[in-house]
PDB file of all heavy atoms in Angstrom:
ATOM      1  N   ASN A   1     -44.896  81.807 -27.781  1.00  0.00           N
ATOM      2  CA  ASN A   1     -43.570  81.412 -27.336  1.00  0.00           C
ATOM      3  C   ASN A   1     -43.120  82.237 -26.134  1.00  0.00           C
ATOM      4  O   ASN A   1     -42.366  81.753 -25.288  1.00  0.00           O
ATOM      5  CB  ASN A   1     -42.569  81.553 -28.487  1.00  0.00           C
ATOM      6  CG  ASN A   1     -41.184  81.070 -28.125  1.00  0.00           C
ATOM      7  OD1 ASN A   1     -40.319  81.859 -27.735  1.00  0.00           O
ATOM      8  ND2 ASN A   1     -40.966  79.769 -28.253  1.00  0.00           N
ATOM      9  N   GLY A   2     -43.590  83.489 -26.067  1.00  0.00           N
ATOM     10  CA  GLY A   2     -43.232  84.366 -24.970  1.00  0.00           C
ATOM     11  C   GLY A   2     -44.130  84.253 -23.755  1.00  0.00           C
ATOM     12  O   GLY A   2     -43.916  84.962 -22.768  1.00  0.00           O
ATOM     13  N   GLY A   3     -45.145  83.383 -23.820  1.00  0.00           N
ATOM     14  CA  GLY A   3     -45.976  83.132 -22.659  1.00  0.00           C
ATOM     15  C   GLY A   3     -47.270  83.923 -22.577  1.00  0.00           C
ATOM     16  O   GLY A   3     -47.937  83.902 -21.538  1.00  0.00           O
ATOM     17  N   ILE A   4     -47.651  84.614 -23.643  1.00  0.00           N
ATOM     18  CA  ILE A   4     -48.916  85.331 -23.652  1.00  0.00           C
ATOM     19  C   ILE A   4     -50.052  84.348 -23.896  1.00  0.00           C
ATOM     20  O   ILE A   4     -50.012  83.566 -24.840  1.00  0.00           O
ATOM     21  CB  ILE A   4     -48.925  86.430 -24.727  1.00  0.00           C
ATOM     22  CG1 ILE A   4     -47.806  87.442 -24.459  1.00  0.00           C
ATOM     23  CG2 ILE A   4     -50.280  87.130 -24.770  1.00  0.00           C
ATOM     24  CD1 ILE A   4     -47.625  88.465 -25.557  1.00  0.00           C
ATOM     25  N   THR A   5     -51.061  84.397 -23.050  1.00  0.00           N
ATOM     26  CA  THR A   5     -52.140  83.415 -23.101  1.00  0.00           C
ATOM     27  C   THR A   5     -53.475  84.028 -23.483  1.00  0.00           C
ATOM     28  O   THR A   5     -53.723  85.217 -23.274  1.00  0.00           O
ATOM     29  CB  THR A   5     -52.302  82.709 -21.746  1.00  0.00           C
ATOM     30  OG1 THR A   5     -52.613  83.684 -20.734  1.00  0.00           O
ATOM     31  CG2 THR A   5     -51.018  81.990 -21.355  1.00  0.00           C
ATOM     32  N   ASN A   6     -54.335  83.191 -24.044  1.00  0.00           N
ATOM     33  CA  ASN A   6     -55.720  83.539 -24.331  1.00  0.00           C
ATOM     34  C   ASN A   6     -56.592  82.339 -24.000  1.00  0.00           C
ATOM     35  O   ASN A   6     -56.187  81.192 -24.216  1.00  0.00           O
ATOM     36  CB  ASN A   6     -55.908  83.924 -25.798  1.00  0.00           C
ATOM     37  CG  ASN A   6     -55.491  85.341 -26.093  1.00  0.00           C
ATOM     38  OD1 ASN A   6     -56.133  86.284 -25.646  1.00  0.00           O
ATOM     39  ND2 ASN A   6     -54.411  85.498 -26.847  1.00  0.00           N
ATOM     40  N   TYR A   7     -57.776  82.621 -23.476  1.00  0.00           N
ATOM     41  CA  TYR A   7     -58.694  81.564 -23.087  1.00  0.00           C
ATOM     42  C   TYR A   7     -60.082  81.805 -23.649  1.00  0.00           C
ATOM     43  O   TYR A   7     -60.525  82.947 -23.789  1.00  0.00           O
ATOM     44  CB  TYR A   7     -58.822  81.482 -21.564  1.00  0.00           C
ATOM     45  CG  TYR A   7     -57.556  81.096 -20.848  1.00  0.00           C
ATOM     46  CD1 TYR A   7     -56.687  82.073 -20.379  1.00  0.00           C
ATOM     47  CD2 TYR A   7     -57.234  79.760 -20.636  1.00  0.00           C
ATOM     48  CE1 TYR A   7     -55.520  81.719 -19.718  1.00  0.00           C
ATOM     49  CE2 TYR A   7     -56.072  79.400 -19.975  1.00  0.00           C
ATOM     50  CZ  TYR A   7     -55.217  80.391 -19.516  1.00  0.00           C
ATOM     51  OH  TYR A   7     -54.061  80.047 -18.858  1.00  0.00           O
ATOM     52  N   ALA A   8     -60.769  80.715 -23.942  1.00  0.00           N
ATOM     53  CA  ALA A   8     -62.175  80.811 -24.265  1.00  0.00           C
ATOM     54  C   ALA A   8     -62.936  81.242 -23.020  1.00  0.00           C
ATOM     55  O   ALA A   8     -62.569  80.876 -21.898  1.00  0.00           O
ATOM     56  CB  ALA A   8     -62.700  79.470 -24.763  1.00  0.00           C
ATOM     57  N   ASP A   9     -64.001  82.018 -23.203  1.00  0.00           N
ATOM     58  CA  ASP A   9     -64.774  82.501 -22.065  1.00  0.00           C
ATOM     59  C   ASP A   9     -65.298  81.359 -21.201  1.00  0.00           C
ATOM     60  O   ASP A   9     -65.397  81.492 -19.973  1.00  0.00           O
ATOM     61  CB  ASP A   9     -65.943  83.355 -22.540  1.00  0.00           C
ATOM     62  CG  ASP A   9     -65.510  84.704 -23.077  1.00  0.00           C
ATOM     63  OD1 ASP A   9     -64.385  85.144 -22.770  1.00  0.00           O
ATOM     64  OD2 ASP A   9     -66.304  85.323 -23.807  1.00  0.00           O
ATOM     65  N   SER A  10     -65.611  80.244 -21.817  1.00  0.00           N
ATOM     66  CA  SER A  10     -66.201  79.127 -21.107  1.00  0.00           C
ATOM     67  C   SER A  10     -65.253  78.442 -20.126  1.00  0.00           C
ATOM     68  O   SER A  10     -65.700  77.701 -19.250  1.00  0.00           O
ATOM     69  CB  SER A  10     -66.730  78.088 -22.099  1.00  0.00           C
ATOM     70  OG  SER A  10     -65.694  77.596 -22.917  1.00  0.00           O
ATOM     71  N   VAL A  11     -63.947  78.692 -20.261  1.00  0.00           N
ATOM     72  CA  VAL A  11     -62.984  78.018 -19.392  1.00  0.00           C
ATOM     73  C   VAL A  11     -62.176  78.971 -18.531  1.00  0.00           C
ATOM     74  O   VAL A  11     -61.373  78.520 -17.698  1.00  0.00           O
ATOM     75  CB  VAL A  11     -62.013  77.126 -20.205  1.00  0.00           C
ATOM     76  CG1 VAL A  11     -62.792  76.157 -21.088  1.00  0.00           C
ATOM     77  CG2 VAL A  11     -61.052  77.968 -21.034  1.00  0.00           C
ATOM     78  N   LYS A  12     -62.376  80.267 -18.689  1.00  0.00           N
ATOM     79  CA  LYS A  12     -61.635  81.243 -17.896  1.00  0.00           C
ATOM     80  C   LYS A  12     -61.875  81.023 -16.408  1.00  0.00           C
ATOM     81  O   LYS A  12     -63.001  80.844 -15.965  1.00  0.00           O
ATOM     82  CB  LYS A  12     -62.034  82.666 -18.282  1.00  0.00           C
ATOM     83  CG  LYS A  12     -61.497  83.116 -19.623  1.00  0.00           C
ATOM     84  CD  LYS A  12     -61.908  84.545 -19.938  1.00  0.00           C
ATOM     85  CE  LYS A  12     -61.342  84.999 -21.272  1.00  0.00           C
ATOM     86  NZ  LYS A  12     -61.798  86.369 -21.628  1.00  0.00           N
ATOM     87  N   GLY A  13     -60.794  81.047 -15.659  1.00  0.00           N
ATOM     88  CA  GLY A  13     -60.878  80.834 -14.228  1.00  0.00           C
ATOM     89  C   GLY A  13     -60.832  79.385 -13.815  1.00  0.00           C
ATOM     90  O   GLY A  13     -60.690  79.086 -12.624  1.00  0.00           O
ATOM     91  N   ARG A  14     -60.958  78.473 -14.784  1.00  0.00           N
ATOM     92  CA  ARG A  14     -60.940  77.043 -14.473  1.00  0.00           C
ATOM     93  C   ARG A  14     -59.745  76.327 -15.095  1.00  0.00           C
ATOM     94  O   ARG A  14     -59.208  75.394 -14.499  1.00  0.00           O
ATOM     95  CB  ARG A  14     -62.223  76.370 -14.959  1.00  0.00           C
ATOM     96  CG  ARG A  14     -63.489  76.921 -14.311  1.00  0.00           C
ATOM     97  CD  ARG A  14     -64.705  76.071 -14.665  1.00  0.00           C
ATOM     98  NE  ARG A  14     -64.972  76.076 -16.099  1.00  0.00           N
ATOM     99  CZ  ARG A  14     -65.000  74.984 -16.868  1.00  0.00           C
ATOM    100  NH1 ARG A  14     -64.780  73.786 -16.319  1.00  0.00           N
ATOM    101  NH2 ARG A  14     -65.262  75.070 -18.159  1.00  0.00           N
ATOM    102  N   PHE A  15     -59.355  76.748 -16.287  1.00  0.00           N
ATOM    103  CA  PHE A  15     -58.250  76.109 -17.006  1.00  0.00           C
ATOM    104  C   PHE A  15     -57.031  77.023 -17.022  1.00  0.00           C
ATOM    105  O   PHE A  15     -57.165  78.255 -17.057  1.00  0.00           O
ATOM    106  CB  PHE A  15     -58.638  75.811 -18.457  1.00  0.00           C
ATOM    107  CG  PHE A  15     -59.682  74.744 -18.639  1.00  0.00           C
ATOM    108  CD1 PHE A  15     -60.385  74.220 -17.570  1.00  0.00           C
ATOM    109  CD2 PHE A  15     -59.952  74.262 -19.913  1.00  0.00           C
ATOM    110  CE1 PHE A  15     -61.352  73.239 -17.751  1.00  0.00           C
ATOM    111  CE2 PHE A  15     -60.907  73.283 -20.112  1.00  0.00           C
ATOM    112  CZ  PHE A  15     -61.608  72.776 -19.036  1.00  0.00           C
ATOM    113  N   THR A  16     -55.858  76.417 -17.043  1.00  0.00           N
ATOM    114  CA  THR A  16     -54.615  77.160 -17.142  1.00  0.00           C
ATOM    115  C   THR A  16     -53.703  76.497 -18.161  1.00  0.00           C
ATOM    116  O   THR A  16     -53.430  75.300 -18.062  1.00  0.00           O
ATOM    117  CB  THR A  16     -53.887  77.240 -15.790  1.00  0.00           C
ATOM    118  OG1 THR A  16     -54.736  77.857 -14.816  1.00  0.00           O
ATOM    119  CG2 THR A  16     -52.611  78.064 -15.929  1.00  0.00           C
ATOM    120  N   ILE A  17     -53.248  77.277 -19.136  1.00  0.00           N
ATOM    121  CA  ILE A  17     -52.312  76.765 -20.123  1.00  0.00           C
ATOM    122  C   ILE A  17     -50.910  77.245 -19.767  1.00  0.00           C
ATOM    123  O   ILE A  17     -50.716  78.372 -19.309  1.00  0.00           O
ATOM    124  CB  ILE A  17     -52.702  77.198 -21.556  1.00  0.00           C
ATOM    125  CG1 ILE A  17     -51.825  76.498 -22.600  1.00  0.00           C
ATOM    126  CG2 ILE A  17     -52.636  78.713 -21.715  1.00  0.00           C
ATOM    127  CD1 ILE A  17     -52.297  76.708 -24.037  1.00  0.00           C
ATOM    128  N   SER A  18     -49.934  76.389 -19.966  1.00  0.00           N
ATOM    129  CA  SER A  18     -48.544  76.735 -19.707  1.00  0.00           C
ATOM    130  C   SER A  18     -47.659  75.956 -20.668  1.00  0.00           C
ATOM    131  O   SER A  18     -48.123  75.032 -21.342  1.00  0.00           O
ATOM    132  CB  SER A  18     -48.161  76.437 -18.251  1.00  0.00           C
ATOM    133  OG  SER A  18     -48.295  75.058 -17.963  1.00  0.00           O
ATOM    134  N   ARG A  19     -46.388  76.331 -20.737  1.00  0.00           N
ATOM    135  CA  ARG A  19     -45.484  75.618 -21.627  1.00  0.00           C
ATOM    136  C   ARG A  19     -44.077  75.590 -21.073  1.00  0.00           C
ATOM    137  O   ARG A  19     -43.673  76.451 -20.291  1.00  0.00           O
ATOM    138  CB  ARG A  19     -45.490  76.230 -23.037  1.00  0.00           C
ATOM    139  CG  ARG A  19     -44.925  77.639 -23.136  1.00  0.00           C
ATOM    140  CD  ARG A  19     -45.200  78.252 -24.511  1.00  0.00           C
ATOM    141  NE  ARG A  19     -44.427  77.615 -25.572  1.00  0.00           N
ATOM    142  CZ  ARG A  19     -44.596  77.866 -26.882  1.00  0.00           C
ATOM    143  NH1 ARG A  19     -45.543  78.714 -27.274  1.00  0.00           N
ATOM    144  NH2 ARG A  19     -43.837  77.251 -27.778  1.00  0.00           N
ATOM    145  N   ASP A  20     -43.347  74.586 -21.503  1.00  0.00           N
ATOM    146  CA  ASP A  20     -41.946  74.429 -21.171  1.00  0.00           C
ATOM    147  C   ASP A  20     -41.204  74.409 -22.500  1.00  0.00           C
ATOM    148  O   ASP A  20     -41.192  73.393 -23.194  1.00  0.00           O
ATOM    149  CB  ASP A  20     -41.718  73.134 -20.388  1.00  0.00           C
ATOM    150  CG  ASP A  20     -40.281  72.962 -19.930  1.00  0.00           C
ATOM    151  OD1 ASP A  20     -39.376  73.589 -20.508  1.00  0.00           O
ATOM    152  OD2 ASP A  20     -40.053  72.186 -18.984  1.00  0.00           O
ATOM    153  N   ASN A  21     -40.615  75.535 -22.866  1.00  0.00           N
ATOM    154  CA  ASN A  21     -39.969  75.644 -24.166  1.00  0.00           C
ATOM    155  C   ASN A  21     -38.772  74.705 -24.321  1.00  0.00           C
ATOM    156  O   ASN A  21     -38.480  74.250 -25.421  1.00  0.00           O
ATOM    157  CB  ASN A  21     -39.536  77.084 -24.425  1.00  0.00           C
ATOM    158  CG  ASN A  21     -40.702  78.012 -24.659  1.00  0.00           C
ATOM    159  OD1 ASN A  21     -41.811  77.572 -24.986  1.00  0.00           O
ATOM    160  ND2 ASN A  21     -40.475  79.313 -24.506  1.00  0.00           N
ATOM    161  N   ALA A  22     -38.088  74.438 -23.226  1.00  0.00           N
ATOM    162  CA  ALA A  22     -36.942  73.537 -23.282  1.00  0.00           C
ATOM    163  C   ALA A  22     -37.356  72.128 -23.677  1.00  0.00           C
ATOM    164  O   ALA A  22     -36.571  71.378 -24.266  1.00  0.00           O
ATOM    165  CB  ALA A  22     -36.208  73.517 -21.943  1.00  0.00           C
ATOM    166  N   LYS A  23     -38.590  71.766 -23.352  1.00  0.00           N
ATOM    167  CA  LYS A  23     -39.110  70.439 -23.672  1.00  0.00           C
ATOM    168  C   LYS A  23     -40.082  70.457 -24.844  1.00  0.00           C
ATOM    169  O   LYS A  23     -40.614  69.407 -25.206  1.00  0.00           O
ATOM    170  CB  LYS A  23     -39.799  69.834 -22.457  1.00  0.00           C
ATOM    171  CG  LYS A  23     -38.883  69.594 -21.267  1.00  0.00           C
ATOM    172  CD  LYS A  23     -39.651  68.983 -20.109  1.00  0.00           C
ATOM    173  CE  LYS A  23     -38.743  68.711 -18.930  1.00  0.00           C
ATOM    174  NZ  LYS A  23     -39.486  68.109 -17.791  1.00  0.00           N
ATOM    175  N   ASN A  24     -40.332  71.637 -25.410  1.00  0.00           N
ATOM    176  CA  ASN A  24     -41.324  71.792 -26.480  1.00  0.00           C
ATOM    177  C   ASN A  24     -42.657  71.162 -26.085  1.00  0.00           C
ATOM    178  O   ASN A  24     -43.287  70.450 -26.866  1.00  0.00           O
ATOM    179  CB  ASN A  24     -40.815  71.185 -27.790  1.00  0.00           C
ATOM    180  CG  ASN A  24     -39.699  71.998 -28.413  1.00  0.00           C
ATOM    181  OD1 ASN A  24     -39.685  73.224 -28.326  1.00  0.00           O
ATOM    182  ND2 ASN A  24     -38.756  71.322 -29.052  1.00  0.00           N
ATOM    183  N   THR A  25     -43.064  71.451 -24.872  1.00  0.00           N
ATOM    184  CA  THR A  25     -44.256  70.848 -24.313  1.00  0.00           C
ATOM    185  C   THR A  25     -45.217  71.916 -23.796  1.00  0.00           C
ATOM    186  O   THR A  25     -44.792  72.906 -23.202  1.00  0.00           O
ATOM    187  CB  THR A  25     -43.889  69.887 -23.168  1.00  0.00           C
ATOM    188  OG1 THR A  25     -43.037  68.855 -23.670  1.00  0.00           O
ATOM    189  CG2 THR A  25     -45.130  69.250 -22.567  1.00  0.00           C
TER     190      THR A  25
END
């Protein structure tokens, strides 16, 4: 909820996760 991210090694540098808490998305 606070924006701390973790990625699988296979996607690091290629994928980006983000969220919009106001939209629960």
